[in-house]
Amino acid sequence: MSLQCPSCLSQKIASFHHAMKITAAVGTVGGAARGVSAALAGGQAGAAIGAIAGPVGITIGSISGAIIGGLMGGVSGCALGAQLGHKLDRHVLANNLCLLCGHRFNLPA
């Protein structure tokens, strides 16, 4: 889909995605923190089960659970943040700039 300036009908448009970048970064950090927190809380149950394998099993299970939980939380937080930012960029913020006349506009709803 080619964008067109509503003012001068030019197709020389620059689109900015500031909100998507910011919300994706915030979502990544928040999701990773939530993932690690949930993994550490679940690691207590895993430690009780891993006690059969001894102290090494408890340690490895807790650390790997925290890493995997952090990665999964970060990815899901980034995806949700990017979706929110995309909606903000598209419908709320005037992030399209006509390079000919300088008019800033949103995409139509």
PDB file of N, CA and C in Angstrom:
ATOM      1  N   MET A   1       0.839  -1.172   0.000  1.00  0.00           N
ATOM      2  CA  MET A   1       0.000   0.000   0.000  1.00  0.00           C
ATOM      3  C   MET A   1       0.887   1.239   0.000  1.00  0.00           C
ATOM      4  N   SER A   2       0.654   2.105  -0.928  1.00  0.00           N
ATOM      5  CA  SER A   2       1.418   3.327  -1.056  1.00  0.00           C
ATOM      6  C   SER A   2       0.708   4.453  -0.303  1.00  0.00           C
ATOM      7  N   LEU A   3       1.459   5.147   0.526  1.00  0.00           N
ATOM      8  CA  LEU A   3       0.888   6.269   1.266  1.00  0.00           C
ATOM      9  C   LEU A   3       0.819   7.494   0.374  1.00  0.00           C
ATOM     10  N   GLN A   4      -0.181   8.306   0.631  1.00  0.00           N
ATOM     11  CA  GLN A   4      -0.365   9.523  -0.137  1.00  0.00           C
ATOM     12  C   GLN A   4      -0.691  10.658   0.823  1.00  0.00           C
ATOM     13  N   CYS A   5      -0.047  11.778   0.631  1.00  0.00           N
ATOM     14  CA  CYS A   5      -0.281  12.941   1.477  1.00  0.00           C
ATOM     15  C   CYS A   5      -1.698  13.472   1.242  1.00  0.00           C
ATOM     16  N   PRO A   6      -2.475  13.671   2.316  1.00  0.00           N
ATOM     17  CA  PRO A   6      -3.829  14.201   2.135  1.00  0.00           C
ATOM     18  C   PRO A   6      -3.841  15.677   1.732  1.00  0.00           C
ATOM     19  N   SER A   7      -2.713  16.365   1.897  1.00  0.00           N
ATOM     20  CA  SER A   7      -2.659  17.785   1.579  1.00  0.00           C
ATOM     21  C   SER A   7      -2.288  18.035   0.115  1.00  0.00           C
ATOM     22  N   CYS A   8      -1.190  17.421  -0.336  1.00  0.00           N
ATOM     23  CA  CYS A   8      -0.711  17.695  -1.703  1.00  0.00           C
ATOM     24  C   CYS A   8      -0.767  16.473  -2.619  1.00  0.00           C
ATOM     25  N   LEU A   9      -1.210  15.328  -2.094  1.00  0.00           N
ATOM     26  CA  LEU A   9      -1.351  14.071  -2.831  1.00  0.00           C
ATOM     27  C   LEU A   9      -0.018  13.486  -3.307  1.00  0.00           C
ATOM     28  N   SER A  10       1.065  13.918  -2.712  1.00  0.00           N
ATOM     29  CA  SER A  10       2.374  13.372  -3.042  1.00  0.00           C
ATOM     30  C   SER A  10       2.514  11.967  -2.448  1.00  0.00           C
ATOM     31  N   GLN A  11       3.350  11.151  -3.047  1.00  0.00           N
ATOM     32  CA  GLN A  11       3.606   9.812  -2.515  1.00  0.00           C
ATOM     33  C   GLN A  11       4.996   9.718  -1.899  1.00  0.00           C
ATOM     34  N   LYS A  12       5.639  10.835  -1.726  1.00  0.00           N
ATOM     35  CA  LYS A  12       6.955  10.867  -1.074  1.00  0.00           C
ATOM     36  C   LYS A  12       6.729  11.086   0.419  1.00  0.00           C
ATOM     37  N   ILE A  13       6.568   9.977   1.137  1.00  0.00           N
ATOM     38  CA  ILE A  13       6.183  10.007   2.543  1.00  0.00           C
ATOM     39  C   ILE A  13       7.248   9.301   3.369  1.00  0.00           C
ATOM     40  N   ALA A  14       7.590   9.895   4.502  1.00  0.00           N
ATOM     41  CA  ALA A  14       8.477   9.250   5.478  1.00  0.00           C
ATOM     42  C   ALA A  14       7.615   8.854   6.675  1.00  0.00           C
ATOM     43  N   SER A  15       7.747   7.603   7.111  1.00  0.00           N
ATOM     44  CA  SER A  15       6.983   7.117   8.266  1.00  0.00           C
ATOM     45  C   SER A  15       7.934   6.865   9.423  1.00  0.00           C
ATOM     46  N   PHE A  16       7.565   7.362  10.580  1.00  0.00           N
ATOM     47  CA  PHE A  16       8.373   7.176  11.780  1.00  0.00           C
ATOM     48  C   PHE A  16       7.674   6.169  12.687  1.00  0.00           C
ATOM     49  N   HIS A  17       8.437   5.414  13.427  1.00  0.00           N
ATOM     50  CA  HIS A  17       7.878   4.383  14.305  1.00  0.00           C
ATOM     51  C   HIS A  17       8.447   4.536  15.712  1.00  0.00           C
ATOM     52  N   HIS A  18       8.367   5.734  16.253  1.00  0.00           N
ATOM     53  CA  HIS A  18       8.940   5.992  17.577  1.00  0.00           C
ATOM     54  C   HIS A  18       8.230   5.209  18.668  1.00  0.00           C
ATOM     55  N   ALA A  19       6.913   5.217  18.671  1.00  0.00           N
ATOM     56  CA  ALA A  19       6.161   4.528  19.732  1.00  0.00           C
ATOM     57  C   ALA A  19       6.410   3.030  19.680  1.00  0.00           C
ATOM     58  N   MET A  20       6.505   2.454  18.485  1.00  0.00           N
ATOM     59  CA  MET A  20       6.723   1.016  18.377  1.00  0.00           C
ATOM     60  C   MET A  20       8.081   0.631  18.953  1.00  0.00           C
ATOM     61  N   LYS A  21       9.096   1.427  18.693  1.00  0.00           N
ATOM     62  CA  LYS A  21      10.429   1.127  19.219  1.00  0.00           C
ATOM     63  C   LYS A  21      10.461   1.230  20.743  1.00  0.00           C
ATOM     64  N   ILE A  22       9.831   2.267  21.268  1.00  0.00           N
ATOM     65  CA  ILE A  22       9.855   2.480  22.721  1.00  0.00           C
ATOM     66  C   ILE A  22       9.045   1.414  23.445  1.00  0.00           C
ATOM     67  N   THR A  23       7.834   1.143  22.970  1.00  0.00           N
ATOM     68  CA  THR A  23       7.001   0.159  23.666  1.00  0.00           C
ATOM     69  C   THR A  23       7.553  -1.248  23.519  1.00  0.00           C
ATOM     70  N   ALA A  24       8.232  -1.543  22.411  1.00  0.00           N
ATOM     71  CA  ALA A  24       8.861  -2.858  22.268  1.00  0.00           C
ATOM     72  C   ALA A  24      10.001  -3.017  23.266  1.00  0.00           C
ATOM     73  N   ALA A  25      10.786  -1.968  23.465  1.00  0.00           N
ATOM     74  CA  ALA A  25      11.889  -2.029  24.430  1.00  0.00           C
ATOM     75  C   ALA A  25      11.366  -2.165  25.854  1.00  0.00           C
ATOM     76  N   VAL A  26      10.343  -1.390  26.192  1.00  0.00           N
ATOM     77  CA  VAL A  26       9.761  -1.475  27.537  1.00  0.00           C
ATOM     78  C   VAL A  26       9.122  -2.847  27.754  1.00  0.00           C
ATOM     79  N   GLY A  27       8.438  -3.351  26.744  1.00  0.00           N
ATOM     80  CA  GLY A  27       7.825  -4.672  26.839  1.00  0.00           C
ATOM     81  C   GLY A  27       8.853  -5.776  26.999  1.00  0.00           C
ATOM     82  N   THR A  28       9.991  -5.643  26.337  1.00  0.00           N
ATOM     83  CA  THR A  28      11.053  -6.639  26.460  1.00  0.00           C
ATOM     84  C   THR A  28      11.597  -6.678  27.877  1.00  0.00           C
ATOM     85  N   VAL A  29      11.883  -5.520  28.432  1.00  0.00           N
ATOM     86  CA  VAL A  29      12.424  -5.465  29.793  1.00  0.00           C
ATOM     87  C   VAL A  29      11.401  -5.985  30.803  1.00  0.00           C
ATOM     88  N   GLY A  30      10.157  -5.536  30.679  1.00  0.00           N
ATOM     89  CA  GLY A  30       9.115  -5.985  31.598  1.00  0.00           C
ATOM     90  C   GLY A  30       8.824  -7.465  31.470  1.00  0.00           C
ATOM     91  N   GLY A  31       8.775  -7.947  30.243  1.00  0.00           N
ATOM     92  CA  GLY A  31       8.517  -9.372  30.021  1.00  0.00           C
ATOM     93  C   GLY A  31       9.648 -10.243  30.531  1.00  0.00           C
ATOM     94  N   ALA A  32      10.875  -9.790  30.334  1.00  0.00           N
ATOM     95  CA  ALA A  32      12.024 -10.564  30.827  1.00  0.00           C
ATOM     96  C   ALA A  32      12.023 -10.611  32.354  1.00  0.00           C
ATOM     97  N   ALA A  33      11.737  -9.487  32.987  1.00  0.00           N
ATOM     98  CA  ALA A  33      11.690  -9.462  34.454  1.00  0.00           C
ATOM     99  C   ALA A  33      10.580 -10.367  34.972  1.00  0.00           C
ATOM    100  N   ARG A  34       9.427 -10.327  34.332  1.00  0.00           N
ATOM    101  CA  ARG A  34       8.309 -11.179  34.738  1.00  0.00           C
ATOM    102  C   ARG A  34       8.635 -12.646  34.492  1.00  0.00           C
ATOM    103  N   GLY A  35       9.295 -12.946  33.380  1.00  0.00           N
ATOM    104  CA  GLY A  35       9.664 -14.324  33.073  1.00  0.00           C
ATOM    105  C   GLY A  35      10.658 -14.888  34.069  1.00  0.00           C
ATOM    106  N   VAL A  36      11.660 -14.093  34.437  1.00  0.00           N
ATOM    107  CA  VAL A  36      12.650 -14.543  35.419  1.00  0.00           C
ATOM    108  C   VAL A  36      11.989 -14.718  36.781  1.00  0.00           C
ATOM    109  N   SER A  37      11.124 -13.792  37.144  1.00  0.00           N
ATOM    110  CA  SER A  37      10.429 -13.889  38.435  1.00  0.00           C
ATOM    111  C   SER A  37       9.588 -15.157  38.506  1.00  0.00           C
ATOM    112  N   ALA A  38       8.836 -15.439  37.455  1.00  0.00           N
ATOM    113  CA  ALA A  38       8.009 -16.644  37.430  1.00  0.00           C
ATOM    114  C   ALA A  38       8.870 -17.897  37.419  1.00  0.00           C
ATOM    115  N   ALA A  39       9.997 -17.850  36.703  1.00  0.00           N
ATOM    116  CA  ALA A  39      10.877 -19.017  36.645  1.00  0.00           C
ATOM    117  C   ALA A  39      11.527 -19.284  38.000  1.00  0.00           C
ATOM    118  N   LEU A  40      11.901 -18.209  38.706  1.00  0.00           N
ATOM    119  CA  LEU A  40      12.500 -18.399  40.022  1.00  0.00           C
ATOM    120  C   LEU A  40      11.472 -18.922  41.026  1.00  0.00           C
ATOM    121  N   ALA A  41      10.240 -18.444  40.917  1.00  0.00           N
ATOM    122  CA  ALA A  41       9.184 -18.952  41.798  1.00  0.00           C
ATOM    123  C   ALA A  41       8.905 -20.418  41.489  1.00  0.00           C
ATOM    124  N   GLY A  42       8.876 -20.754  40.228  1.00  0.00           N
ATOM    125  CA  GLY A  42       8.692 -22.151  39.841  1.00  0.00           C
ATOM    126  C   GLY A  42       9.926 -22.990  40.113  1.00  0.00           C
ATOM    127  N   GLY A  43      11.071 -22.324  40.202  1.00  0.00           N
ATOM    128  CA  GLY A  43      12.325 -23.037  40.492  1.00  0.00           C
ATOM    129  C   GLY A  43      12.339 -23.641  41.881  1.00  0.00           C
ATOM    130  N   GLN A  44      11.570 -23.101  42.786  1.00  0.00           N
ATOM    131  CA  GLN A  44      11.490 -23.673  44.123  1.00  0.00           C
ATOM    132  C   GLN A  44      10.843 -25.050  44.065  1.00  0.00           C
ATOM    133  N   ALA A  45       9.806 -25.191  43.271  1.00  0.00           N
ATOM    134  CA  ALA A  45       9.186 -26.504  43.101  1.00  0.00           C
ATOM    135  C   ALA A  45      10.131 -27.435  42.351  1.00  0.00           C
ATOM    136  N   GLY A  46      10.816 -26.877  41.351  1.00  0.00           N
ATOM    137  CA  GLY A  46      11.791 -27.689  40.613  1.00  0.00           C
ATOM    138  C   GLY A  46      12.954 -28.108  41.480  1.00  0.00           C
ATOM    139  N   ALA A  47      13.324 -27.261  42.416  1.00  0.00           N
ATOM    140  CA  ALA A  47      14.416 -27.607  43.320  1.00  0.00           C
ATOM    141  C   ALA A  47      14.013 -28.754  44.230  1.00  0.00           C
ATOM    142  N   ALA A  48      12.772 -28.766  44.648  1.00  0.00           N
ATOM    143  CA  ALA A  48      12.305 -29.868  45.490  1.00  0.00           C
ATOM    144  C   ALA A  48      12.315 -31.178  44.708  1.00  0.00           C
ATOM    145  N   ILE A  49      11.898 -31.113  43.444  1.00  0.00           N
ATOM    146  CA  ILE A  49      11.914 -32.320  42.611  1.00  0.00           C
ATOM    147  C   ILE A  49      13.346 -32.678  42.231  1.00  0.00           C
ATOM    148  N   GLY A  50      14.166 -31.658  41.940  1.00  0.00           N
ATOM    149  CA  GLY A  50      15.549 -31.882  41.545  1.00  0.00           C
ATOM    150  C   GLY A  50      16.438 -32.312  42.686  1.00  0.00           C
ATOM    151  N   ALA A  51      15.919 -32.264  43.904  1.00  0.00           N
ATOM    152  CA  ALA A  51      16.713 -32.691  45.067  1.00  0.00           C
ATOM    153  C   ALA A  51      17.092 -34.156  44.961  1.00  0.00           C
ATOM    154  N   ILE A  52      16.340 -34.905  44.160  1.00  0.00           N
ATOM    155  CA  ILE A  52      16.669 -36.319  43.944  1.00  0.00           C
ATOM    156  C   ILE A  52      18.028 -36.434  43.267  1.00  0.00           C
ATOM    157  N   ALA A  53      18.329 -35.495  42.347  1.00  0.00           N
ATOM    158  CA  ALA A  53      19.598 -35.530  41.619  1.00  0.00           C
ATOM    159  C   ALA A  53      20.725 -34.893  42.420  1.00  0.00           C
ATOM    160  N   GLY A  54      20.411 -34.313  43.539  1.00  0.00           N
ATOM    161  CA  GLY A  54      21.446 -33.712  44.373  1.00  0.00           C
ATOM    162  C   GLY A  54      21.568 -32.225  44.165  1.00  0.00           C
ATOM    163  N   PRO A  55      22.564 -31.609  44.807  1.00  0.00           N
ATOM    164  CA  PRO A  55      22.732 -30.155  44.728  1.00  0.00           C
ATOM    165  C   PRO A  55      23.014 -29.650  43.315  1.00  0.00           C
ATOM    166  N   VAL A  56      23.699 -30.442  42.517  1.00  0.00           N
ATOM    167  CA  VAL A  56      23.997 -30.016  41.147  1.00  0.00           C
ATOM    168  C   VAL A  56      22.708 -29.920  40.341  1.00  0.00           C
ATOM    169  N   GLY A  57      21.813 -30.859  40.506  1.00  0.00           N
ATOM    170  CA  GLY A  57      20.533 -30.834  39.802  1.00  0.00           C
ATOM    171  C   GLY A  57      19.692 -29.638  40.200  1.00  0.00           C
ATOM    172  N   ILE A  58      19.720 -29.292  41.482  1.00  0.00           N
ATOM    173  CA  ILE A  58      18.967 -28.132  41.961  1.00  0.00           C
ATOM    174  C   ILE A  58      19.509 -26.853  41.342  1.00  0.00           C
ATOM    175  N   THR A  59      20.829 -26.708  41.332  1.00  0.00           N
ATOM    176  CA  THR A  59      21.466 -25.496  40.808  1.00  0.00           C
ATOM    177  C   THR A  59      21.230 -25.350  39.312  1.00  0.00           C
ATOM    178  N   ILE A  60      21.469 -26.401  38.575  1.00  0.00           N
ATOM    179  CA  ILE A  60      21.313 -26.340  37.116  1.00  0.00           C
ATOM    180  C   ILE A  60      19.853 -26.092  36.744  1.00  0.00           C
ATOM    181  N   GLY A  61      18.942 -26.755  37.425  1.00  0.00           N
ATOM    182  CA  GLY A  61      17.523 -26.567  37.147  1.00  0.00           C
ATOM    183  C   GLY A  61      17.064 -25.150  37.416  1.00  0.00           C
ATOM    184  N   SER A  62      17.517 -24.558  38.503  1.00  0.00           N
ATOM    185  CA  SER A  62      17.111 -23.192  38.839  1.00  0.00           C
ATOM    186  C   SER A  62      17.669 -22.172  37.855  1.00  0.00           C
ATOM    187  N   ILE A  63      18.954 -22.313  37.518  1.00  0.00           N
ATOM    188  CA  ILE A  63      19.595 -21.347  36.604  1.00  0.00           C
ATOM    189  C   ILE A  63      19.018 -21.450  35.197  1.00  0.00           C
ATOM    190  N   SER A  64      18.885 -22.664  34.691  1.00  0.00           N
ATOM    191  CA  SER A  64      18.361 -22.817  33.332  1.00  0.00           C
ATOM    192  C   SER A  64      16.906 -22.372  33.266  1.00  0.00           C
ATOM    193  N   GLY A  65      16.142 -22.620  34.318  1.00  0.00           N
ATOM    194  CA  GLY A  65      14.754 -22.158  34.344  1.00  0.00           C
ATOM    195  C   GLY A  65      14.661 -20.643  34.316  1.00  0.00           C
ATOM    196  N   ALA A  66      15.544 -19.966  35.046  1.00  0.00           N
ATOM    197  CA  ALA A  66      15.538 -18.498  35.053  1.00  0.00           C
ATOM    198  C   ALA A  66      15.919 -17.939  33.689  1.00  0.00           C
ATOM    199  N   ILE A  67      16.897 -18.538  33.047  1.00  0.00           N
ATOM    200  CA  ILE A  67      17.329 -18.059  31.723  1.00  0.00           C
ATOM    201  C   ILE A  67      16.229 -18.264  30.691  1.00  0.00           C
ATOM    202  N   ILE A  68      15.666 -19.451  30.656  1.00  0.00           N
ATOM    203  CA  ILE A  68      14.612 -19.739  29.675  1.00  0.00           C
ATOM    204  C   ILE A  68      13.377 -18.881  29.946  1.00  0.00           C
ATOM    205  N   GLY A  69      13.012 -18.737  31.217  1.00  0.00           N
ATOM    206  CA  GLY A  69      11.869 -17.888  31.553  1.00  0.00           C
ATOM    207  C   GLY A  69      12.093 -16.444  31.156  1.00  0.00           C
ATOM    208  N   GLY A  70      13.309 -15.941  31.369  1.00  0.00           N
ATOM    209  CA  GLY A  70      13.629 -14.565  30.977  1.00  0.00           C
ATOM    210  C   GLY A  70      13.558 -14.363  29.480  1.00  0.00           C
ATOM    211  N   LEU A  71      14.082 -15.328  28.728  1.00  0.00           N
ATOM    212  CA  LEU A  71      14.036 -15.213  27.265  1.00  0.00           C
ATOM    213  C   LEU A  71      12.604 -15.270  26.748  1.00  0.00           C
ATOM    214  N   MET A  72      11.829 -16.211  27.251  1.00  0.00           N
ATOM    215  CA  MET A  72      10.442 -16.334  26.782  1.00  0.00           C
ATOM    216  C   MET A  72       9.622 -15.107  27.177  1.00  0.00           C
ATOM    217  N   GLY A  73       9.820 -14.612  28.391  1.00  0.00           N
ATOM    218  CA  GLY A  73       9.108 -13.408  28.820  1.00  0.00           C
ATOM    219  C   GLY A  73       9.517 -12.192  28.008  1.00  0.00           C
ATOM    220  N   GLY A  74      10.807 -12.087  27.700  1.00  0.00           N
ATOM    221  CA  GLY A  74      11.286 -10.959  26.902  1.00  0.00           C
ATOM    222  C   GLY A  74      10.717 -10.952  25.498  1.00  0.00           C
ATOM    223  N   VAL A  75      10.655 -12.123  24.882  1.00  0.00           N
ATOM    224  CA  VAL A  75      10.116 -12.215  23.518  1.00  0.00           C
ATOM    225  C   VAL A  75       8.625 -11.872  23.505  1.00  0.00           C
ATOM    226  N   SER A  76       7.882 -12.439  24.447  1.00  0.00           N
ATOM    227  CA  SER A  76       6.444 -12.146  24.453  1.00  0.00           C
ATOM    228  C   SER A  76       6.184 -10.682  24.814  1.00  0.00           C
ATOM    229  N   GLY A  77       6.948 -10.123  25.743  1.00  0.00           N
ATOM    230  CA  GLY A  77       6.788  -8.711  26.089  1.00  0.00           C
ATOM    231  C   GLY A  77       7.122  -7.801  24.926  1.00  0.00           C
ATOM    232  N   CYS A  78       8.153  -8.149  24.167  1.00  0.00           N
ATOM    233  CA  CYS A  78       8.539  -7.361  22.995  1.00  0.00           C
ATOM    234  C   CYS A  78       7.442  -7.399  21.933  1.00  0.00           C
ATOM    235  N   ALA A  79       6.874  -8.572  21.708  1.00  0.00           N
ATOM    236  CA  ALA A  79       5.819  -8.706  20.697  1.00  0.00           C
ATOM    237  C   ALA A  79       4.585  -7.890  21.081  1.00  0.00           C
ATOM    238  N   LEU A  80       4.183  -7.984  22.335  1.00  0.00           N
ATOM    239  CA  LEU A  80       3.013  -7.215  22.771  1.00  0.00           C
ATOM    240  C   LEU A  80       3.284  -5.711  22.739  1.00  0.00           C
ATOM    241  N   GLY A  81       4.488  -5.315  23.158  1.00  0.00           N
ATOM    242  CA  GLY A  81       4.847  -3.898  23.126  1.00  0.00           C
ATOM    243  C   GLY A  81       4.891  -3.349  21.710  1.00  0.00           C
ATOM    244  N   ALA A  82       5.407  -4.148  20.775  1.00  0.00           N
ATOM    245  CA  ALA A  82       5.476  -3.705  19.377  1.00  0.00           C
ATOM    246  C   ALA A  82       4.078  -3.556  18.785  1.00  0.00           C
ATOM    247  N   GLN A  83       3.158  -4.449  19.137  1.00  0.00           N
ATOM    248  CA  GLN A  83       1.788  -4.330  18.639  1.00  0.00           C
ATOM    249  C   GLN A  83       1.119  -3.068  19.170  1.00  0.00           C
ATOM    250  N   LEU A  84       1.295  -2.809  20.454  1.00  0.00           N
ATOM    251  CA  LEU A  84       0.731  -1.594  21.038  1.00  0.00           C
ATOM    252  C   LEU A  84       1.328  -0.349  20.381  1.00  0.00           C
ATOM    253  N   GLY A  85       2.655  -0.333  20.222  1.00  0.00           N
ATOM    254  CA  GLY A  85       3.318   0.805  19.598  1.00  0.00           C
ATOM    255  C   GLY A  85       2.887   1.015  18.163  1.00  0.00           C
ATOM    256  N   HIS A  86       2.664  -0.078  17.441  1.00  0.00           N
ATOM    257  CA  HIS A  86       2.210   0.028  16.051  1.00  0.00           C
ATOM    258  C   HIS A  86       0.841   0.708  15.992  1.00  0.00           C
ATOM    259  N   LYS A  87      -0.050   0.328  16.896  1.00  0.00           N
ATOM    260  CA  LYS A  87      -1.385   0.957  16.939  1.00  0.00           C
ATOM    261  C   LYS A  87      -1.279   2.440  17.302  1.00  0.00           C
ATOM    262  N   LEU A  88      -0.397   2.761  18.249  1.00  0.00           N
ATOM    263  CA  LEU A  88      -0.208   4.173  18.611  1.00  0.00           C
ATOM    264  C   LEU A  88       0.351   4.965  17.431  1.00  0.00           C
ATOM    265  N   ASP A  89       1.359   4.402  16.769  1.00  0.00           N
ATOM    266  CA  ASP A  89       1.950   5.091  15.624  1.00  0.00           C
ATOM    267  C   ASP A  89       0.933   5.289  14.511  1.00  0.00           C
ATOM    268  N   ARG A  90       0.128   4.282  14.274  1.00  0.00           N
ATOM    269  CA  ARG A  90      -0.792   4.310  13.139  1.00  0.00           C
ATOM    270  C   ARG A  90      -1.981   5.250  13.356  1.00  0.00           C
ATOM    271  N   HIS A  91      -2.542   5.257  14.579  1.00  0.00           N
ATOM    272  CA  HIS A  91      -3.814   5.954  14.773  1.00  0.00           C
ATOM    273  C   HIS A  91      -3.760   7.162  15.702  1.00  0.00           C
ATOM    274  N   VAL A  92      -2.751   7.269  16.547  1.00  0.00           N
ATOM    275  CA  VAL A  92      -2.744   8.353  17.535  1.00  0.00           C
ATOM    276  C   VAL A  92      -1.713   9.425  17.179  1.00  0.00           C
ATOM    277  N   LEU A  93      -0.482   9.022  16.956  1.00  0.00           N
ATOM    278  CA  LEU A  93       0.589   9.977  16.690  1.00  0.00           C
ATOM    279  C   LEU A  93       0.656  10.310  15.199  1.00  0.00           C
ATOM    280  N   ALA A  94       0.951  11.550  14.892  1.00  0.00           N
ATOM    281  CA  ALA A  94       1.103  11.963  13.491  1.00  0.00           C
ATOM    282  C   ALA A  94       2.516  11.611  13.038  1.00  0.00           C
ATOM    283  N   ASN A  95       2.721  10.360  12.668  1.00  0.00           N
ATOM    284  CA  ASN A  95       4.058   9.870  12.362  1.00  0.00           C
ATOM    285  C   ASN A  95       4.350   9.720  10.878  1.00  0.00           C
ATOM    286  N   ASN A  96       3.533  10.276  10.039  1.00  0.00           N
ATOM    287  CA  ASN A  96       3.803  10.277   8.606  1.00  0.00           C
ATOM    288  C   ASN A  96       4.076  11.713   8.179  1.00  0.00           C
ATOM    289  N   LEU A  97       5.161  11.896   7.461  1.00  0.00           N
ATOM    290  CA  LEU A  97       5.597  13.235   7.059  1.00  0.00           C
ATOM    291  C   LEU A  97       5.729  13.281   5.552  1.00  0.00           C
ATOM    292  N   CYS A  98       5.049  14.222   4.932  1.00  0.00           N
ATOM    293  CA  CYS A  98       5.189  14.444   3.495  1.00  0.00           C
ATOM    294  C   CYS A  98       6.519  15.156   3.262  1.00  0.00           C
ATOM    295  N   LEU A  99       7.329  14.589   2.417  1.00  0.00           N
ATOM    296  CA  LEU A  99       8.648  15.166   2.155  1.00  0.00           C
ATOM    297  C   LEU A  99       8.584  16.380   1.219  1.00  0.00           C
ATOM    298  N   LEU A 100       7.454  16.600   0.574  1.00  0.00           N
ATOM    299  CA  LEU A 100       7.326  17.757  -0.317  1.00  0.00           C
ATOM    300  C   LEU A 100       6.742  18.976   0.394  1.00  0.00           C
ATOM    301  N   CYS A 101       5.613  18.791   1.084  1.00  0.00           N
ATOM    302  CA  CYS A 101       4.959  19.964   1.686  1.00  0.00           C
ATOM    303  C   CYS A 101       5.159  20.043   3.201  1.00  0.00           C
ATOM    304  N   GLY A 102       5.696  18.996   3.830  1.00  0.00           N
ATOM    305  CA  GLY A 102       5.955  19.024   5.264  1.00  0.00           C
ATOM    306  C   GLY A 102       4.743  18.736   6.138  1.00  0.00           C
ATOM    307  N   HIS A 103       3.639  18.302   5.540  1.00  0.00           N
ATOM    308  CA  HIS A 103       2.417  17.994   6.287  1.00  0.00           C
ATOM    309  C   HIS A 103       2.592  16.687   7.061  1.00  0.00           C
ATOM    310  N   ARG A 104       2.209  16.702   8.358  1.00  0.00           N
ATOM    311  CA  ARG A 104       2.253  15.494   9.193  1.00  0.00           C
ATOM    312  C   ARG A 104       0.828  14.971   9.329  1.00  0.00           C
ATOM    313  N   PHE A 105       0.667  13.639   9.228  1.00  0.00           N
ATOM    314  CA  PHE A 105      -0.677  13.079   9.287  1.00  0.00           C
ATOM    315  C   PHE A 105      -0.650  11.648   9.801  1.00  0.00           C
ATOM    316  N   ASN A 106      -1.840  11.192  10.230  1.00  0.00           N
ATOM    317  CA  ASN A 106      -2.058   9.816  10.639  1.00  0.00           C
ATOM    318  C   ASN A 106      -2.583   9.032   9.451  1.00  0.00           C
ATOM    319  N   LEU A 107      -2.547   7.730   9.576  1.00  0.00           N
ATOM    320  CA  LEU A 107      -3.197   6.894   8.583  1.00  0.00           C
ATOM    321  C   LEU A 107      -4.689   6.865   8.880  1.00  0.00           C
ATOM    322  N   PRO A 108      -5.519   6.699   7.874  1.00  0.00           N
ATOM    323  CA  PRO A 108      -6.963   6.647   8.135  1.00  0.00           C
ATOM    324  C   PRO A 108      -7.311   5.414   8.969  1.00  0.00           C
ATOM    325  N   ALA A 109      -8.335   5.550   9.805  1.00  0.00           N
ATOM    326  CA  ALA A 109      -8.775   4.440  10.651  1.00  0.00           C
ATOM    327  C   ALA A 109      -9.423   3.414   9.815  1.00  0.00           C
TER     328      ALA A 109
END
